[in-house]
Protein backbone atom coordinates (compact mmCIF):
# COMPACT_ATOMS: atom_id res chain seq x y z
CA UNK A 1 0.00 0.00 0.00
CA UNK A 2 1.43 3.37 -0.96
CA UNK A 3 2.15 6.04 1.62
CA UNK A 4 -0.31 8.36 -0.05
CA UNK A 5 -3.11 5.86 0.12
CA UNK A 6 -2.31 4.85 3.65
CA UNK A 7 -2.05 8.40 4.92
CA UNK A 8 -5.11 9.64 3.12
CA UNK A 9 -7.50 6.85 3.99
CA UNK A 10 -10.07 8.27 6.42
CA UNK A 11 -10.77 4.77 7.67
CA UNK A 12 -7.23 4.39 9.03
CA UNK A 13 -7.47 3.46 12.68
CA UNK A 14 -11.24 3.69 12.57
CA UNK A 15 -11.97 1.22 15.31
CA UNK A 16 -15.30 0.43 13.66
CA UNK A 17 -15.61 -2.75 15.69
CA UNK A 18 -16.35 -0.70 18.80
CA UNK A 19 -20.02 -0.46 17.96
CA UNK A 20 -20.33 -4.22 17.77
CA UNK A 21 -18.62 -4.83 21.12
CA UNK A 22 -20.72 -5.87 24.08
CA UNK A 23 -20.39 -6.62 27.75
CA UNK A 24 -17.97 -5.10 30.19
CA UNK A 25 -15.42 -4.07 27.55
CA UNK A 26 -18.13 -2.01 25.84
CA UNK A 27 -19.02 -0.37 29.15
CA UNK A 28 -15.42 0.39 30.10
CA UNK A 29 -14.60 1.88 26.71
CA UNK A 30 -17.69 4.05 26.62
CA UNK A 31 -16.98 5.30 30.14
CA UNK A 32 -13.52 6.32 28.96
CA UNK A 33 -15.18 8.34 26.20
CA UNK A 34 -17.45 10.00 28.75
CA UNK A 35 -14.45 10.87 30.93
CA UNK A 36 -12.97 12.72 27.96
CA UNK A 37 -16.04 14.93 27.84
CA UNK A 38 -17.43 13.58 24.59
CA UNK A 39 -20.86 12.34 25.56
CA UNK A 40 -23.96 13.71 27.23
CA UNK A 41 -24.78 12.60 30.81
CA UNK A 42 -26.91 9.51 31.14
CA UNK A 43 -30.58 10.09 31.93
CA UNK A 44 -30.92 6.72 33.60
CA UNK A 45 -28.72 4.19 35.27
CA UNK A 46 -27.78 0.69 34.37
CA UNK A 47 -24.51 -1.19 34.64
CA UNK A 48 -21.88 0.89 36.39
CA UNK A 49 -24.17 3.91 36.46
CA UNK A 50 -24.61 4.19 32.69
CA UNK A 51 -27.54 3.43 30.44
CA UNK A 52 -26.60 1.17 27.54
CA UNK A 53 -28.33 3.43 25.02
CA UNK A 54 -26.14 6.30 26.20
CA UNK A 55 -23.05 4.11 25.92
CA UNK A 56 -23.91 3.46 22.29
CA UNK A 57 -24.19 7.22 21.79
CA UNK A 58 -20.77 7.69 23.33
CA UNK A 59 -19.12 5.22 21.00
CA UNK A 60 -20.80 6.61 17.90
CA UNK A 61 -19.87 10.15 18.89
CA UNK A 62 -16.21 9.16 19.17
CA UNK A 63 -16.46 7.48 15.77
CA UNK A 64 -16.83 10.92 14.19
CA UNK A 65 -13.21 11.50 15.12
CA UNK A 66 -11.41 8.17 14.92
CA UNK A 67 -12.09 7.46 11.22
CA UNK A 68 -10.53 10.85 10.50
CA UNK A 69 -7.43 9.93 12.48
CA UNK A 70 -8.42 12.40 15.19
CA UNK A 71 -8.12 11.61 18.87
CA UNK A 72 -10.19 13.76 21.21
CA UNK A 73 -7.27 13.87 23.67
CA UNK A 74 -5.08 15.41 20.99
CA UNK A 75 -7.49 17.65 19.12
CA UNK A 76 -9.50 19.44 21.76
CA UNK A 77 -7.64 22.34 23.33
CA UNK A 78 -8.57 22.92 26.98
CA UNK A 79 -10.18 26.30 27.61
CA UNK A 80 -7.66 29.12 28.12
CA UNK A 81 -4.76 26.79 27.34
CA UNK A 82 -3.21 28.60 24.36
CA UNK A 83 -2.33 31.82 26.24
CA UNK A 84 -0.03 29.80 28.49
CA UNK A 85 2.22 29.15 25.49
CA UNK A 86 2.25 32.70 24.17
CA UNK A 87 5.66 34.40 24.20
CA UNK A 88 5.72 38.14 24.84
CA UNK A 89 8.28 38.70 22.08
CA UNK A 90 7.16 35.86 19.84
CA UNK A 91 9.42 33.03 18.75
CA UNK A 92 12.93 33.51 17.46
CA UNK A 93 13.70 31.95 14.09
CA UNK A 94 15.68 29.24 15.83
CA UNK A 95 12.86 28.44 18.26
CA UNK A 96 10.33 28.48 15.44
CA UNK A 97 12.34 25.93 13.45
CA UNK A 98 12.81 23.87 16.59
CA UNK A 99 9.06 23.70 17.18
CA UNK A 100 8.43 22.56 13.62
CA UNK A 101 11.04 19.84 14.00
CA UNK A 102 9.39 18.78 17.24
CA UNK A 103 6.11 18.10 15.43
CA UNK A 104 7.74 14.84 14.39
CA UNK A 105 9.02 13.94 17.87
CA UNK A 106 8.43 10.36 19.01
CA UNK A 107 6.85 11.56 22.29
CA UNK A 108 3.24 12.75 22.00
CA UNK A 109 3.68 15.28 24.81
CA UNK A 110 6.54 16.93 22.95
CA UNK A 111 4.49 17.08 19.76
CA UNK A 112 1.63 18.68 21.67
CA UNK A 113 3.93 21.31 23.17
CA UNK A 114 5.13 22.17 19.67
CA UNK A 115 1.55 22.39 18.39
CA UNK A 116 0.43 24.69 21.18
CA UNK A 117 3.53 26.88 20.92
CA UNK A 118 3.18 27.35 17.16
CA UNK A 119 -0.56 28.02 17.41
CA UNK A 120 -0.08 30.56 20.20
CA UNK A 121 2.74 32.39 18.42
CA UNK A 122 1.48 32.73 14.86
CA UNK A 123 3.69 34.13 12.12
CA UNK A 124 2.69 34.91 8.53
CA UNK A 125 4.52 31.83 7.27
CA UNK A 126 3.25 29.41 9.93
CA UNK A 127 0.20 28.16 8.02
CA UNK A 128 1.99 27.83 4.63
CA UNK A 129 4.72 25.76 6.25
CA UNK A 130 2.16 23.52 7.95
CA UNK A 131 0.37 23.06 4.62
CA UNK A 132 3.68 21.93 3.12
CA UNK A 133 3.98 19.32 5.87
CA UNK A 134 0.73 17.72 4.70
CA UNK A 135 2.75 16.36 1.76
CA UNK A 136 5.11 14.39 4.01
CA UNK A 137 5.16 10.60 3.72
CA UNK A 138 6.02 10.31 7.41
CA UNK A 139 2.69 9.88 9.18
CA UNK A 140 3.71 11.33 12.56
CA UNK A 141 4.66 14.90 11.56
CA UNK A 142 1.94 15.00 8.91
CA UNK A 143 -0.77 14.19 11.43
CA UNK A 144 0.68 16.64 13.91
CA UNK A 145 0.58 19.33 11.25
CA UNK A 146 -3.14 18.55 10.92
CA UNK A 147 -3.55 18.94 14.68
CA UNK A 148 -1.66 22.24 14.61
CA UNK A 149 -3.80 23.68 11.84
CA UNK A 150 -6.83 22.68 13.88
CA UNK A 151 -5.36 24.40 16.93
CA UNK A 152 -4.77 27.61 14.97
CA UNK A 153 -8.43 27.70 14.03
CA UNK A 154 -10.21 30.14 11.75
CA UNK A 155 -7.07 31.95 10.43
CA UNK A 156 -6.06 28.79 8.55
CA UNK A 157 -9.38 28.13 6.81
CA UNK A 158 -8.74 29.93 3.51
CA UNK A 159 -5.30 28.37 3.04
CA UNK A 160 -6.59 24.89 3.83
CA UNK A 161 -9.51 25.32 1.41
CA UNK A 162 -7.19 26.61 -1.33
CA UNK A 163 -5.00 23.55 -0.96
CA UNK A 164 -7.95 21.17 -0.81
CA UNK A 165 -9.41 22.29 -4.13
CA UNK A 166 -6.09 22.70 -5.96
CA UNK A 167 -4.11 19.58 -5.07
CA UNK A 168 -4.47 16.21 -6.78
CA UNK A 169 -2.66 14.40 -3.96
CA UNK A 170 -5.09 12.11 -2.12
CA UNK A 171 -3.09 12.29 1.11
CA UNK A 172 -3.05 16.08 1.11
CA UNK A 173 -6.75 16.28 0.33
CA UNK A 174 -7.66 13.99 3.20
CA UNK A 175 -5.32 15.86 5.54
CA UNK A 176 -6.97 19.17 4.61
CA UNK A 177 -10.38 17.74 5.48
CA UNK A 178 -9.02 16.39 8.76
CA UNK A 179 -7.63 19.86 9.55
CA UNK A 180 -11.11 21.35 9.17
CA UNK A 181 -12.54 18.63 11.40
CA UNK A 182 -9.87 19.27 14.03
CA UNK A 183 -10.70 22.98 13.87
CA UNK A 184 -14.36 22.22 14.63
CA UNK A 185 -13.42 20.03 17.57
CA UNK A 186 -11.09 22.67 19.00
CA UNK A 187 -13.46 25.58 18.44
CA UNK A 188 -16.98 24.14 18.85
CA UNK A 189 -18.54 27.61 18.71
CA UNK A 190 -17.75 27.60 14.97
CA UNK A 191 -20.67 25.22 14.57
CA UNK A 192 -22.80 28.36 14.90
CA UNK A 193 -20.87 30.37 12.31
CA UNK A 194 -18.81 27.96 10.23
CA UNK A 195 -17.06 29.87 7.42
CA UNK A 196 -19.12 29.71 4.24
CA UNK A 197 -15.92 29.30 2.22
CA UNK A 198 -15.16 26.07 4.06
CA UNK A 199 -18.71 24.76 3.70
CA UNK A 200 -18.72 25.51 -0.05
CA UNK A 201 -15.37 23.76 -0.44
CA UNK A 202 -16.57 20.65 1.38
CA UNK A 203 -19.69 20.65 -0.80
CA UNK A 204 -17.61 20.74 -3.97
CA UNK A 205 -15.12 18.01 -3.05
CA UNK A 206 -17.75 15.57 -1.82
CA UNK A 207 -19.14 15.36 -5.36
CA UNK A 208 -16.02 15.80 -7.47
CA UNK A 209 -13.04 14.20 -5.73
CA UNK A 210 -11.68 10.73 -5.02
CA UNK A 211 -13.46 8.26 -2.78
CA UNK A 212 -11.07 8.75 0.14
CA UNK A 213 -11.72 12.50 0.23
CA UNK A 214 -15.46 11.99 -0.20
CA UNK A 215 -15.68 9.73 2.83
CA UNK A 216 -13.47 11.98 4.94
CA UNK A 217 -15.61 14.97 3.96
CA UNK A 218 -18.82 13.22 5.01
CA UNK A 219 -17.29 12.41 8.37
CA UNK A 220 -16.13 16.02 8.76
CA UNK A 221 -19.67 17.20 8.04
CA UNK A 222 -20.85 14.73 10.67
CA UNK A 223 -18.62 16.45 13.22
CA UNK A 224 -19.85 19.88 12.14
CA UNK A 225 -23.49 18.81 12.28
CA UNK A 226 -23.24 17.20 15.71
CA UNK A 227 -24.07 18.95 18.94
CA UNK A 228 -21.07 19.68 21.17
CA UNK A 229 -22.35 17.86 24.21
CA UNK A 230 -19.82 19.27 26.68
CA UNK A 231 -20.76 22.90 25.96
CA UNK A 232 -24.29 22.25 24.68
CA UNK A 233 -23.59 23.97 21.36
CA UNK A 234 -25.97 22.80 18.61
CA UNK A 235 -24.65 21.32 15.41
CA UNK A 236 -24.64 23.27 12.18
CA UNK A 237 -28.00 23.02 10.36
CA UNK A 238 -26.16 23.73 7.11
CA UNK A 239 -24.01 20.62 7.58
CA UNK A 240 -27.06 18.46 8.25
CA UNK A 241 -28.83 19.89 5.18
CA UNK A 242 -25.76 19.19 3.05
CA UNK A 243 -25.57 15.58 4.26
CA UNK A 244 -29.26 15.11 3.48
CA UNK A 245 -28.76 16.63 0.02
CA UNK A 246 -25.89 14.24 -0.66
CA UNK A 247 -28.00 11.30 0.44
CA UNK A 248 -30.87 12.33 -1.82
CA UNK A 249 -28.81 12.44 -5.03
CA UNK A 250 -25.88 10.06 -4.65
CA UNK A 251 -25.64 6.85 -6.67
CA UNK A 252 -22.51 5.87 -4.72
CA UNK A 253 -23.34 3.13 -2.24
CA UNK A 254 -20.21 3.66 -0.16
CA UNK A 255 -20.81 7.39 0.09
CA UNK A 256 -24.48 6.90 0.89
CA UNK A 257 -23.67 4.44 3.66
CA UNK A 258 -21.17 6.88 5.16
CA UNK A 259 -23.77 9.67 5.10
CA UNK A 260 -26.32 7.46 6.86
CA UNK A 261 -23.85 6.64 9.62
CA UNK A 262 -22.88 10.31 10.03
CA UNK A 263 -26.54 11.30 10.30
CA UNK A 264 -27.07 8.55 12.84
CA UNK A 265 -24.13 9.85 14.85
CA UNK A 266 -25.58 13.37 14.73
CA UNK A 267 -28.86 12.01 16.02
CA UNK A 268 -27.26 10.23 18.97
CA UNK A 269 -25.84 13.56 20.14
CA UNK A 270 -29.31 14.91 20.82
CA UNK A 271 -30.69 15.98 17.44
CA UNK A 272 -32.59 12.85 16.43
CA UNK A 273 -35.71 14.65 15.24
CA UNK A 274 -33.71 16.72 12.75
CA UNK A 275 -32.37 13.74 10.85
CA UNK A 276 -35.19 11.20 11.08
CA UNK A 277 -37.19 12.60 8.15
CA UNK A 278 -34.12 12.56 5.92
CA UNK A 279 -33.32 8.98 6.82
CA UNK A 280 -36.90 7.91 6.14
CA UNK A 281 -36.67 9.50 2.71
CA UNK A 282 -33.43 7.63 2.05
CA UNK A 283 -35.12 4.29 2.67
CA UNK A 284 -37.46 4.97 -0.24
CA UNK A 285 -35.03 6.63 -2.66
CA UNK A 286 -32.23 4.10 -2.24
CA UNK A 287 -34.37 1.13 -3.23
CA UNK A 288 -34.11 2.20 -6.88
CA UNK A 289 -30.29 2.08 -7.20
CA UNK A 290 -27.94 -0.87 -7.39
CA UNK A 291 -26.78 -1.73 -3.89
CA UNK A 292 -29.34 0.66 -2.44
CA UNK A 293 -30.91 -2.08 -0.35
CA UNK A 294 -27.82 -2.05 1.84
CA UNK A 295 -28.12 1.70 2.47
CA UNK A 296 -31.84 1.32 3.12
CA UNK A 297 -31.12 -1.35 5.73
CA UNK A 298 -28.56 0.92 7.41
CA UNK A 299 -31.04 3.79 7.38
CA UNK A 300 -33.79 1.62 8.85
CA UNK A 301 -31.48 0.57 11.67
CA UNK A 302 -30.63 4.20 12.42
CA UNK A 303 -34.31 5.17 12.28
CA UNK A 304 -35.21 2.47 14.79
CA UNK A 305 -32.43 3.53 17.15
CA UNK A 306 -33.11 7.25 16.89
CA UNK A 307 -36.88 6.84 17.16
CA UNK A 308 -36.42 4.97 20.42
CA UNK A 309 -34.03 7.64 21.67
CA UNK A 310 -36.40 10.46 20.68
CA UNK A 311 -39.31 8.75 22.44
CA UNK A 312 -37.25 8.18 25.58
CA UNK A 313 -36.22 11.85 25.62
CA UNK A 314 -39.85 12.95 25.27
CA UNK A 315 -40.94 10.73 28.16
CA UNK A 316 -38.04 12.02 30.25
CA UNK A 317 -39.10 15.63 29.65
CA UNK A 318 -42.70 14.84 30.60
CA UNK A 319 -41.59 13.20 33.84
């Protein structure tokens, strides 16, 4: 497998088997996700103080990140953390180069220090140099460059979008999409005002690019459309609408299946009612395309799960 294919594949390290796990391992793993602040509090109790339905939500919520190669521990910046790394006089050229070299350090803590330092002490050439690193074959510094772009936030959006629509390199495309996803995770308030340029770019590549970039883009839209459960920030309606539009027109079974799973993940984060109608429509429309039965079955499974969740939430509010 080529380095480009390996680095650009959004399924790399996906951990998709987590959803199928059961028993105590399922409980322990989901509780770890909750400890990271990635899932809403349980409304009931069962098995170690957690409801199994909520544990499923926790796993699916984390799946938004893991298929993109994003770990919540690495992507989410703690509140008020960046100012601690800000230097009054900025970075010297030597220190700046040292931090870039450290992005490839074998120790994760050292890579994180470099990310925070570079993000907190921006220079005009910081983002262009990070974009260049997305072309590296070495996975470690390339992924850390993605994390650093995500830590920088909104100032990197235009450059990332320019690279995403201009490059033909699959690895770079996927890394650009991952950078936008990391940005959303680090700055959840952007769900309320996500740059239109970025949304338009994602819309264009999901229809016109390679399969790897398409799938990564759908997963990124899933992150954008999902409620931030730790800060109770609603997901972007525009992202949900775009996912529903993709689902209504695609003839690509793989892409359609990915959209269904992203919509299901959005629903588990507390917005079930917003996606149920779209999923019901998919069940009907997908029956007419080759392989559509598979997508319809996925959609029906998500509908059943989300309908139960929506009903339970309604009963909880009444009580």
